[in-house]
């Protein structure tokens, strides 16, 4: 078996993030004064389009989480722990000509004061009405009395099933069913990011990449996956990221895309996979690197796998930015097109791999979709995948991951030959920009990495 030494050693001292960059990141933490007003106006416009009945209205309903934080500036999942007692946020077109949207917070009675102590942006506070329910009451009937007649209830996609069932029981199944057709229109409002959101995502990704580089500089042969994970989380905290976490997998363990770290020790024969992300201003990073330490002895076959994955990532990038090189130049680029482009590179490198059914995507060694949207949640729409979820057009403001991989697990103790018991994934997030005249541009929020000896 032929092996290759990695000649690009990690720096013992990783260059610090530039003070100007850090200052810019801190300046983005406070949103503009009109941020939530514009978001509420956009949501209200979608809700108003559902009915011509001036006495009835559509209402968007959510629990604390990413969407609630997006529209109100408060009640993220870290602000409010979800329990069996529903806390609901209802937003509807305003009946007041001076406001575009009304906000109702429904809280358990004994939690109302705690909820009111959470800071709200001034532009949001003026729109809020507080309603509470007592322990012996049905929160859903209290909500129904407070909101009155509705044409449709649009349940946020993260609303838990038992809460949705309670809402359907109180308002009527037909009212909630009427809102189902509007879910997509509401969902896309969060998909396309503004410049501040893109800036926060860039900060989160660059800080996460810095933490991965710092972690790599501290790794030595014999270190365990679990200890490396501890170092990674500490480095993310040190750079200022919140909620930082990561996946660390050595050698054959990386053949399971979402495996869990163990006390397996790093050897010279191993490649290292780190998948990590922390939050900055509530926005999430997602980066994966597969690399090797100096003096590693990585087989040429494994290095060819790495290069195949790198080419697959760039193929998706090129499919988006250079559509004239492809046959269907008179139509928009779809998210599914990107998955097709990346998957074709990997399938060509593994010609014996074939889909279970004709015309279906080949998941034999590249076992998952190409990517996902990212923002206040680590995985959110749009999704870079073939099929209905990937049927939308790529548009300016979309931010998503491009993360091809090749996974060759050992089976029943086999895998002594080349190419067995290895996993490679490369992941960077990409933001789409508008070049004018219908042309799309874009930029990476991290990467892409150029060599298997780098991160």
Protein backbone atom coordinates (compact mmCIF):
# COMPACT_ATOMS: atom_id res chain seq x y z
CA UNK A 1 0.00 0.00 0.00
CA UNK A 2 1.37 3.41 -0.98
CA UNK A 3 1.21 6.18 1.59
CA UNK A 4 1.79 9.88 1.41
CA UNK A 5 3.16 12.19 4.09
CA UNK A 6 1.37 15.46 4.78
CA UNK A 7 3.95 18.20 4.28
CA UNK A 8 1.85 21.21 5.30
CA UNK A 9 2.16 21.25 9.10
CA UNK A 10 -0.31 23.23 11.18
CA UNK A 11 1.09 26.40 12.66
CA UNK A 12 1.95 26.03 16.33
CA UNK A 13 0.54 29.53 16.73
CA UNK A 14 -2.61 30.20 14.73
CA UNK A 15 -2.92 33.81 13.57
CA UNK A 16 -5.44 35.73 15.67
CA UNK A 17 -8.61 37.07 14.15
CA UNK A 18 -8.11 40.65 12.99
CA UNK A 19 -9.31 43.29 15.48
CA UNK A 20 -11.19 45.11 12.71
CA UNK A 21 -13.08 41.93 11.85
CA UNK A 22 -14.00 41.39 15.50
CA UNK A 23 -15.12 45.01 15.82
CA UNK A 24 -17.37 44.60 12.78
CA UNK A 25 -18.84 41.44 14.27
CA UNK A 26 -19.64 43.18 17.54
CA UNK A 27 -21.22 46.10 15.68
CA UNK A 28 -23.68 43.69 14.05
CA UNK A 29 -25.06 42.37 17.33
CA UNK A 30 -27.51 45.26 17.71
CA UNK A 31 -30.14 45.22 14.94
CA UNK A 32 -31.26 48.36 13.13
CA UNK A 33 -34.26 50.15 14.61
CA UNK A 34 -36.53 49.10 11.75
CA UNK A 35 -35.44 45.45 11.57
CA UNK A 36 -38.45 43.91 13.26
CA UNK A 37 -40.89 46.42 11.78
CA UNK A 38 -39.92 45.38 8.26
CA UNK A 39 -40.15 41.69 9.14
CA UNK A 40 -43.57 42.10 10.72
CA UNK A 41 -44.76 44.09 7.69
CA UNK A 42 -43.68 41.28 5.37
CA UNK A 43 -45.44 38.67 7.51
CA UNK A 44 -48.57 40.82 7.75
CA UNK A 45 -48.67 41.19 3.97
CA UNK A 46 -48.69 37.41 3.54
CA UNK A 47 -51.39 36.98 6.17
CA UNK A 48 -53.54 39.74 4.67
CA UNK A 49 -53.43 38.12 1.25
CA UNK A 50 -55.36 35.12 2.55
CA UNK A 51 -58.76 36.75 2.83
CA UNK A 52 -60.91 39.55 1.46
CA UNK A 53 -63.11 39.40 4.57
CA UNK A 54 -62.30 42.55 6.54
CA UNK A 55 -63.82 41.11 9.72
CA UNK A 56 -61.74 37.94 9.61
CA UNK A 57 -58.02 37.46 9.48
CA UNK A 58 -55.27 34.90 9.23
CA UNK A 59 -53.00 34.40 12.22
CA UNK A 60 -49.48 32.97 12.38
CA UNK A 61 -48.90 30.94 15.53
CA UNK A 62 -45.58 29.82 17.00
CA UNK A 63 -43.91 28.62 20.15
CA UNK A 64 -40.65 30.14 21.45
CA UNK A 65 -37.86 29.38 19.01
CA UNK A 66 -36.09 30.72 15.95
CA UNK A 67 -39.15 32.10 14.17
CA UNK A 68 -40.47 33.84 17.28
CA UNK A 69 -37.05 35.44 17.77
CA UNK A 70 -36.90 36.47 14.11
CA UNK A 71 -40.14 38.46 14.30
CA UNK A 72 -40.12 39.72 17.90
CA UNK A 73 -36.46 39.91 18.90
CA UNK A 74 -37.12 37.71 21.93
CA UNK A 75 -38.27 34.25 23.00
CA UNK A 76 -35.64 32.20 21.26
CA UNK A 77 -35.21 28.61 22.43
CA UNK A 78 -32.47 29.81 24.79
CA UNK A 79 -34.76 32.53 26.23
CA UNK A 80 -37.63 30.21 27.06
CA UNK A 81 -37.58 26.49 27.82
CA UNK A 82 -40.50 24.63 26.27
CA UNK A 83 -42.59 22.62 28.71
CA UNK A 84 -45.97 20.93 28.77
CA UNK A 85 -47.52 24.35 29.45
CA UNK A 86 -47.96 26.15 26.11
CA UNK A 87 -46.49 29.60 25.60
CA UNK A 88 -47.74 30.86 22.23
CA UNK A 89 -46.93 33.83 20.02
CA UNK A 90 -49.72 34.93 17.66
CA UNK A 91 -49.11 37.53 14.95
CA UNK A 92 -51.89 38.90 12.75
CA UNK A 93 -52.50 41.89 10.46
CA UNK A 94 -53.21 44.94 12.59
CA UNK A 95 -56.62 46.51 13.02
CA UNK A 96 -54.80 49.74 13.86
CA UNK A 97 -53.88 51.89 10.87
CA UNK A 98 -50.67 53.02 12.58
CA UNK A 99 -49.33 49.47 12.83
CA UNK A 100 -48.88 46.67 10.30
CA UNK A 101 -49.13 43.75 12.73
CA UNK A 102 -50.52 42.88 16.13
CA UNK A 103 -48.68 40.52 18.48
CA UNK A 104 -50.32 38.46 21.19
CA UNK A 105 -48.30 36.58 23.79
CA UNK A 106 -50.21 33.79 25.53
CA UNK A 107 -48.47 32.73 28.73
CA UNK A 108 -49.25 30.59 31.75
CA UNK A 109 -50.56 32.99 34.40
CA UNK A 110 -47.76 32.25 36.86
CA UNK A 111 -45.12 32.76 34.13
CA UNK A 112 -46.48 36.05 32.83
CA UNK A 113 -44.24 38.33 34.89
CA UNK A 114 -41.12 36.36 33.97
CA UNK A 115 -42.06 36.63 30.31
CA UNK A 116 -42.67 40.37 30.59
CA UNK A 117 -39.23 40.87 32.13
CA UNK A 118 -37.52 39.67 28.95
CA UNK A 119 -36.46 42.72 26.91
CA UNK A 120 -38.36 43.41 23.70
CA UNK A 121 -37.33 45.88 20.99
CA UNK A 122 -39.26 49.12 21.39
CA UNK A 123 -40.80 48.76 17.95
CA UNK A 124 -42.19 45.38 19.01
CA UNK A 125 -43.27 46.34 22.52
CA UNK A 126 -45.82 48.85 21.23
CA UNK A 127 -47.65 46.11 19.31
CA UNK A 128 -47.91 43.53 22.10
CA UNK A 129 -50.96 42.36 24.00
CA UNK A 130 -50.45 39.96 26.91
CA UNK A 131 -52.99 37.23 27.62
CA UNK A 132 -52.57 34.55 30.27
CA UNK A 133 -54.24 31.28 31.15
CA UNK A 134 -54.68 29.72 34.59
CA UNK A 135 -53.92 26.14 35.51
CA UNK A 136 -57.53 24.95 35.37
CA UNK A 137 -58.16 26.52 31.95
CA UNK A 138 -57.54 25.30 28.42
CA UNK A 139 -54.86 27.57 26.94
CA UNK A 140 -56.28 26.94 23.49
CA UNK A 141 -59.79 28.10 24.38
CA UNK A 142 -58.32 31.18 26.08
CA UNK A 143 -56.42 31.89 22.86
CA UNK A 144 -59.54 31.36 20.75
CA UNK A 145 -61.50 33.87 22.85
CA UNK A 146 -58.66 36.40 22.66
CA UNK A 147 -58.20 36.18 18.89
CA UNK A 148 -61.81 35.88 17.79
CA UNK A 149 -62.95 34.78 14.33
CA UNK A 150 -60.20 33.62 11.98
CA UNK A 151 -60.04 32.60 8.34
CA UNK A 152 -56.85 30.60 8.84
CA UNK A 153 -54.32 29.59 11.48
CA UNK A 154 -50.81 29.08 10.12
CA UNK A 155 -48.84 26.90 12.52
CA UNK A 156 -45.09 27.46 12.51
CA UNK A 157 -43.27 24.33 11.42
CA UNK A 158 -41.68 23.89 14.86
CA UNK A 159 -44.97 23.84 16.79
CA UNK A 160 -45.16 20.58 18.73
CA UNK A 161 -47.82 18.06 17.77
CA UNK A 162 -49.78 18.19 21.02
CA UNK A 163 -49.94 21.98 20.77
CA UNK A 164 -51.13 21.76 17.17
CA UNK A 165 -53.81 19.27 18.21
CA UNK A 166 -55.03 21.65 20.91
CA UNK A 167 -55.22 24.53 18.46
CA UNK A 168 -57.15 22.43 15.95
CA UNK A 169 -59.61 21.39 18.64
CA UNK A 170 -60.24 24.98 19.76
CA UNK A 171 -60.38 26.75 16.39
CA UNK A 172 -61.71 23.96 14.20
CA UNK A 173 -59.84 21.68 11.85
CA UNK A 174 -60.99 23.63 8.78
CA UNK A 175 -59.40 26.85 10.07
CA UNK A 176 -56.03 25.17 10.63
CA UNK A 177 -56.35 23.28 7.35
CA UNK A 178 -56.90 26.62 5.57
CA UNK A 179 -53.55 27.77 6.90
CA UNK A 180 -51.65 24.77 5.56
CA UNK A 181 -51.53 26.25 2.07
CA UNK A 182 -49.91 29.42 3.40
CA UNK A 183 -47.10 27.77 5.34
CA UNK A 184 -44.74 27.91 2.39
CA UNK A 185 -45.38 31.63 1.82
CA UNK A 186 -44.51 32.36 5.44
CA UNK A 187 -41.54 30.00 5.48
CA UNK A 188 -39.74 31.74 2.62
CA UNK A 189 -39.70 35.04 4.52
CA UNK A 190 -36.83 33.73 6.64
CA UNK A 191 -34.99 32.07 3.75
CA UNK A 192 -33.48 35.13 2.08
CA UNK A 193 -31.11 36.92 4.44
CA UNK A 194 -30.45 40.65 4.63
CA UNK A 195 -26.95 42.13 4.84
CA UNK A 196 -26.85 42.13 8.64
CA UNK A 197 -27.87 38.47 8.78
CA UNK A 198 -25.23 37.59 6.21
CA UNK A 199 -22.67 39.51 8.26
CA UNK A 200 -23.58 37.61 11.42
CA UNK A 201 -23.35 34.31 9.55
CA UNK A 202 -19.94 35.28 8.18
CA UNK A 203 -18.75 36.11 11.69
CA UNK A 204 -20.06 32.82 13.10
CA UNK A 205 -18.43 30.80 10.32
CA UNK A 206 -15.07 32.57 10.43
CA UNK A 207 -14.93 32.26 14.21
CA UNK A 208 -15.81 28.57 14.00
CA UNK A 209 -13.11 28.03 11.37
CA UNK A 210 -10.63 29.79 13.65
CA UNK A 211 -11.61 27.44 16.49
CA UNK A 212 -11.06 24.40 14.24
CA UNK A 213 -7.62 25.71 13.28
CA UNK A 214 -6.72 26.29 16.92
CA UNK A 215 -7.90 22.79 17.75
CA UNK A 216 -5.79 21.30 14.96
CA UNK A 217 -2.70 23.10 16.25
CA UNK A 218 -3.15 21.37 19.63
CA UNK A 219 -3.68 17.86 18.29
CA UNK A 220 -1.03 15.13 18.51
CA UNK A 221 -0.98 11.42 17.68
CA UNK A 222 -2.53 9.49 20.54
CA UNK A 223 -5.14 12.12 21.36
CA UNK A 224 -8.69 10.79 21.60
CA UNK A 225 -11.80 11.90 19.76
CA UNK A 226 -13.43 12.89 23.04
CA UNK A 227 -10.47 15.01 24.19
CA UNK A 228 -10.32 16.72 20.79
CA UNK A 229 -14.01 17.55 21.15
CA UNK A 230 -13.33 19.15 24.53
CA UNK A 231 -10.58 21.29 23.02
CA UNK A 232 -12.84 22.29 20.12
CA UNK A 233 -15.65 23.43 22.40
CA UNK A 234 -13.21 25.37 24.57
CA UNK A 235 -11.75 27.12 21.52
CA UNK A 236 -15.23 28.11 20.34
CA UNK A 237 -15.99 29.59 23.75
CA UNK A 238 -12.64 31.39 23.74
CA UNK A 239 -13.42 33.17 20.48
CA UNK A 240 -16.80 34.30 21.81
CA UNK A 241 -19.20 31.85 20.20
CA UNK A 242 -22.22 30.61 22.13
CA UNK A 243 -23.75 27.16 21.86
CA UNK A 244 -20.62 25.83 20.18
CA UNK A 245 -20.45 22.12 19.57
CA UNK A 246 -18.87 19.72 17.16
CA UNK A 247 -18.38 16.22 15.91
CA UNK A 248 -14.88 14.71 15.97
CA UNK A 249 -14.28 11.41 14.17
CA UNK A 250 -11.01 9.59 13.38
CA UNK A 251 -10.32 7.10 10.62
CA UNK A 252 -13.07 4.55 10.01
CA UNK A 253 -15.38 6.28 12.52
CA UNK A 254 -15.84 9.07 9.97
CA UNK A 255 -17.55 6.58 7.65
CA UNK A 256 -20.68 7.19 9.74
CA UNK A 257 -21.69 10.75 8.72
CA UNK A 258 -23.22 11.60 12.11
CA UNK A 259 -21.24 9.24 14.31
CA UNK A 260 -20.51 10.06 17.94
CA UNK A 261 -17.09 10.73 19.38
CA UNK A 262 -15.37 8.00 21.40
CA UNK A 263 -12.09 7.44 23.20
CA UNK A 264 -10.54 6.11 20.01
CA UNK A 265 -6.97 7.36 19.69
CA UNK A 266 -5.53 9.09 16.62
CA UNK A 267 -2.90 7.17 14.65
CA UNK A 268 -0.66 8.14 11.74
CA UNK A 269 -2.95 6.22 9.39
CA UNK A 270 -6.02 8.31 10.21
CA UNK A 271 -7.73 11.22 8.59
CA UNK A 272 -9.65 13.48 10.98
CA UNK A 273 -13.19 14.76 10.43
CA UNK A 274 -14.39 17.76 12.43
CA UNK A 275 -17.91 19.11 11.91
CA UNK A 276 -18.50 22.19 14.05
CA UNK A 277 -20.61 25.28 14.52
CA UNK A 278 -21.22 28.00 17.07
CA UNK A 279 -23.60 30.95 17.26
CA UNK A 280 -22.93 34.66 16.89
CA UNK A 281 -25.86 37.00 17.49
CA UNK A 282 -28.14 33.97 17.32
CA UNK A 283 -26.94 32.94 13.85
CA UNK A 284 -25.34 29.53 13.39
CA UNK A 285 -22.19 28.36 11.63
CA UNK A 286 -21.67 24.95 10.03
CA UNK A 287 -18.25 23.86 8.79
CA UNK A 288 -16.73 20.43 8.18
CA UNK A 289 -13.08 19.71 7.55
CA UNK A 290 -11.40 16.39 6.85
CA UNK A 291 -7.63 16.58 7.20
CA UNK A 292 -4.50 14.87 8.50
CA UNK A 293 -1.71 15.90 10.86
CA UNK A 294 1.93 16.34 9.80
CA UNK A 295 3.83 13.05 9.45
CA UNK A 296 0.58 11.17 8.90
CA UNK A 297 0.75 8.23 6.51
CA UNK A 298 -2.44 8.45 4.50
CA UNK A 299 -2.99 6.04 1.63
CA UNK A 300 -3.11 7.50 -1.86
CA UNK A 301 -6.53 5.93 -2.28
CA UNK A 302 -7.88 7.86 0.70
CA UNK A 303 -6.34 11.04 -0.66
CA UNK A 304 -8.09 10.46 -3.98
CA UNK A 305 -11.36 10.19 -2.07
CA UNK A 306 -10.61 13.56 -0.47
CA UNK A 307 -9.89 15.12 -3.86
CA UNK A 308 -13.12 13.68 -5.31
CA UNK A 309 -15.12 15.30 -2.51
CA UNK A 310 -13.37 18.63 -3.08
CA UNK A 311 -14.20 18.51 -6.79
CA UNK A 312 -17.83 17.67 -5.99
CA UNK A 313 -18.14 20.74 -3.78
CA UNK A 314 -16.66 22.96 -6.49
CA UNK A 315 -18.93 21.39 -9.13
CA UNK A 316 -22.00 22.59 -7.24
CA UNK A 317 -20.44 26.04 -6.89
CA UNK A 318 -19.69 26.19 -10.62
CA UNK A 319 -23.18 24.97 -11.54
CA UNK A 320 -24.62 27.98 -9.75
CA UNK A 321 -22.20 30.66 -10.93
CA UNK A 322 -21.64 29.46 -14.50
CA UNK A 323 -25.05 28.19 -15.70
CA UNK A 324 -24.16 28.93 -19.34
CA UNK A 325 -21.89 25.87 -19.25
CA UNK A 326 -24.96 23.68 -18.83
CA UNK A 327 -27.76 22.74 -21.18
CA UNK A 328 -30.70 24.39 -19.42
CA UNK A 329 -29.52 27.99 -19.60
CA UNK A 330 -32.95 29.56 -20.12
CA UNK A 331 -34.30 28.63 -16.70
CA UNK A 332 -33.45 29.43 -13.11
CA UNK A 333 -30.95 27.29 -11.25
CA UNK A 334 -32.78 25.00 -8.84
CA UNK A 335 -31.41 23.67 -5.58
CA UNK A 336 -31.77 20.19 -7.02
CA UNK A 337 -29.39 21.19 -9.86
CA UNK A 338 -26.62 21.73 -7.31
CA UNK A 339 -27.14 18.31 -5.75
CA UNK A 340 -27.13 16.72 -9.21
CA UNK A 341 -23.85 18.43 -10.13
CA UNK A 342 -22.01 17.38 -6.98
CA UNK A 343 -23.43 13.86 -6.96
CA UNK A 344 -22.39 13.30 -10.58
CA UNK A 345 -18.73 13.87 -9.69
CA UNK A 346 -18.85 11.29 -6.92
CA UNK A 347 -20.87 8.76 -8.93
CA UNK A 348 -18.37 9.05 -11.79
CA UNK A 349 -15.53 8.26 -9.39
CA UNK A 350 -17.45 5.19 -8.18
CA UNK A 351 -18.99 3.80 -11.39
CA UNK A 352 -20.02 0.53 -9.76
CA UNK A 353 -22.28 2.44 -7.40
CA UNK A 354 -25.80 2.77 -8.73
CA UNK A 355 -29.16 3.92 -7.35
CA UNK A 356 -31.72 1.38 -6.20
CA UNK A 357 -34.19 2.59 -8.85
CA UNK A 358 -33.59 4.18 -12.27
CA UNK A 359 -33.56 7.99 -12.27
CA UNK A 360 -33.23 8.18 -8.49
CA UNK A 361 -30.25 9.94 -6.87
CA UNK A 362 -27.23 7.75 -6.17
CA UNK A 363 -26.85 7.54 -2.39
CA UNK A 364 -24.52 4.54 -2.35
CA UNK A 365 -21.40 6.34 -1.10
CA UNK A 366 -22.62 9.96 -0.91
CA UNK A 367 -25.41 9.05 1.46
CA UNK A 368 -27.11 12.38 2.24
CA UNK A 369 -28.33 15.54 0.54
CA UNK A 370 -25.80 18.14 -0.58
CA UNK A 371 -26.82 20.85 1.82
CA UNK A 372 -29.32 22.88 3.78
CA UNK A 373 -30.23 26.46 4.51
CA UNK A 374 -28.71 28.06 7.58
CA UNK A 375 -29.54 31.06 9.73
CA UNK A 376 -31.10 31.16 13.18
CA UNK A 377 -31.24 27.38 12.93
CA UNK A 378 -28.44 25.07 11.91
CA UNK A 379 -30.72 23.27 9.46
CA UNK A 380 -33.54 25.26 7.88
CA UNK A 381 -35.10 25.72 4.46
CA UNK A 382 -34.17 25.82 1.64
CA UNK A 383 -32.69 22.34 1.21
CA UNK A 384 -30.11 21.46 -1.44
CA UNK A 385 -31.57 18.13 -2.45
CA UNK A 386 -33.30 16.43 -5.35
CA UNK A 387 -37.06 16.00 -5.19
CA UNK A 388 -39.83 18.36 -4.04
CA UNK A 389 -37.76 19.99 -1.27
CA UNK A 390 -35.16 21.07 -3.82
CA UNK A 391 -37.55 22.27 -6.51
CA UNK A 392 -37.23 25.95 -5.63
CA UNK A 393 -35.04 28.42 -7.50
CA UNK A 394 -31.81 29.69 -5.99
CA UNK A 395 -32.17 33.43 -5.33
CA UNK A 396 -30.08 36.31 -3.96
CA UNK A 397 -29.97 36.25 -0.18
CA UNK A 398 -30.11 32.48 0.10
CA UNK A 399 -27.44 31.07 2.40
CA UNK A 400 -26.84 27.33 2.45
CA UNK A 401 -24.23 24.67 3.04
CA UNK A 402 -22.47 22.69 0.33
CA UNK A 403 -21.28 19.50 2.01
CA UNK A 404 -20.56 16.52 -0.22
CA UNK A 405 -19.07 13.40 1.29
CA UNK A 406 -17.91 9.88 0.57
CA UNK A 407 -18.44 7.21 3.22
CA UNK A 408 -16.98 3.70 3.00
CA UNK A 409 -17.67 1.88 6.27
CA UNK A 410 -16.13 -1.41 7.26
CA UNK A 411 -18.67 -4.23 7.14
CA UNK A 412 -18.49 -7.42 9.24
CA UNK A 413 -14.84 -6.90 10.08
CA UNK A 414 -13.86 -6.37 6.47
CA UNK A 415 -12.06 -3.35 5.18
CA UNK A 416 -8.39 -4.13 5.21
CA UNK A 417 -8.10 -3.10 1.58
CA UNK A 418 -7.68 0.41 0.26
CA UNK A 419 -10.69 2.67 0.47
CA UNK A 420 -12.42 0.78 3.27
CA UNK A 421 -13.26 2.24 6.65
CA UNK A 422 -12.98 5.90 5.72
CA UNK A 423 -15.21 8.94 5.55
CA UNK A 424 -14.53 12.34 3.99
CA UNK A 425 -16.80 15.37 4.11
CA UNK A 426 -16.08 19.00 3.25
CA UNK A 427 -18.61 21.65 4.22
CA UNK A 428 -18.72 25.39 3.73
CA UNK A 429 -21.63 27.81 3.68
CA UNK A 430 -22.29 29.94 0.62
CA UNK A 431 -24.28 33.16 0.18
CA UNK A 432 -25.93 34.01 -3.15
CA UNK A 433 -25.70 37.58 -4.47
CA UNK A 434 -27.31 39.49 -7.33
CA UNK A 435 -25.02 40.55 -10.19
CA UNK A 436 -27.85 42.15 -12.15
CA UNK A 437 -29.40 41.20 -15.49
CA UNK A 438 -30.61 37.94 -13.99
CA UNK A 439 -27.11 36.73 -13.13
CA UNK A 440 -26.28 35.24 -9.76
CA UNK A 441 -23.02 35.64 -7.91
CA UNK A 442 -21.93 34.54 -4.51
CA UNK A 443 -19.23 34.18 -1.92
CA UNK A 444 -18.10 31.59 0.56
CA UNK A 445 -18.52 32.30 4.26
CA UNK A 446 -15.55 29.99 4.84
CA UNK A 447 -13.24 28.10 2.53
CA UNK A 448 -13.22 26.33 0.28
CA UNK A 449 -10.25 24.36 1.51
CA UNK A 450 -7.58 23.71 -1.12
CA UNK A 451 -5.57 20.81 0.27
CA UNK A 452 -6.12 17.82 2.55
CA UNK A 453 -3.26 19.14 4.69
CA UNK A 454 -5.15 22.35 5.47
CA UNK A 455 -8.21 23.49 7.35
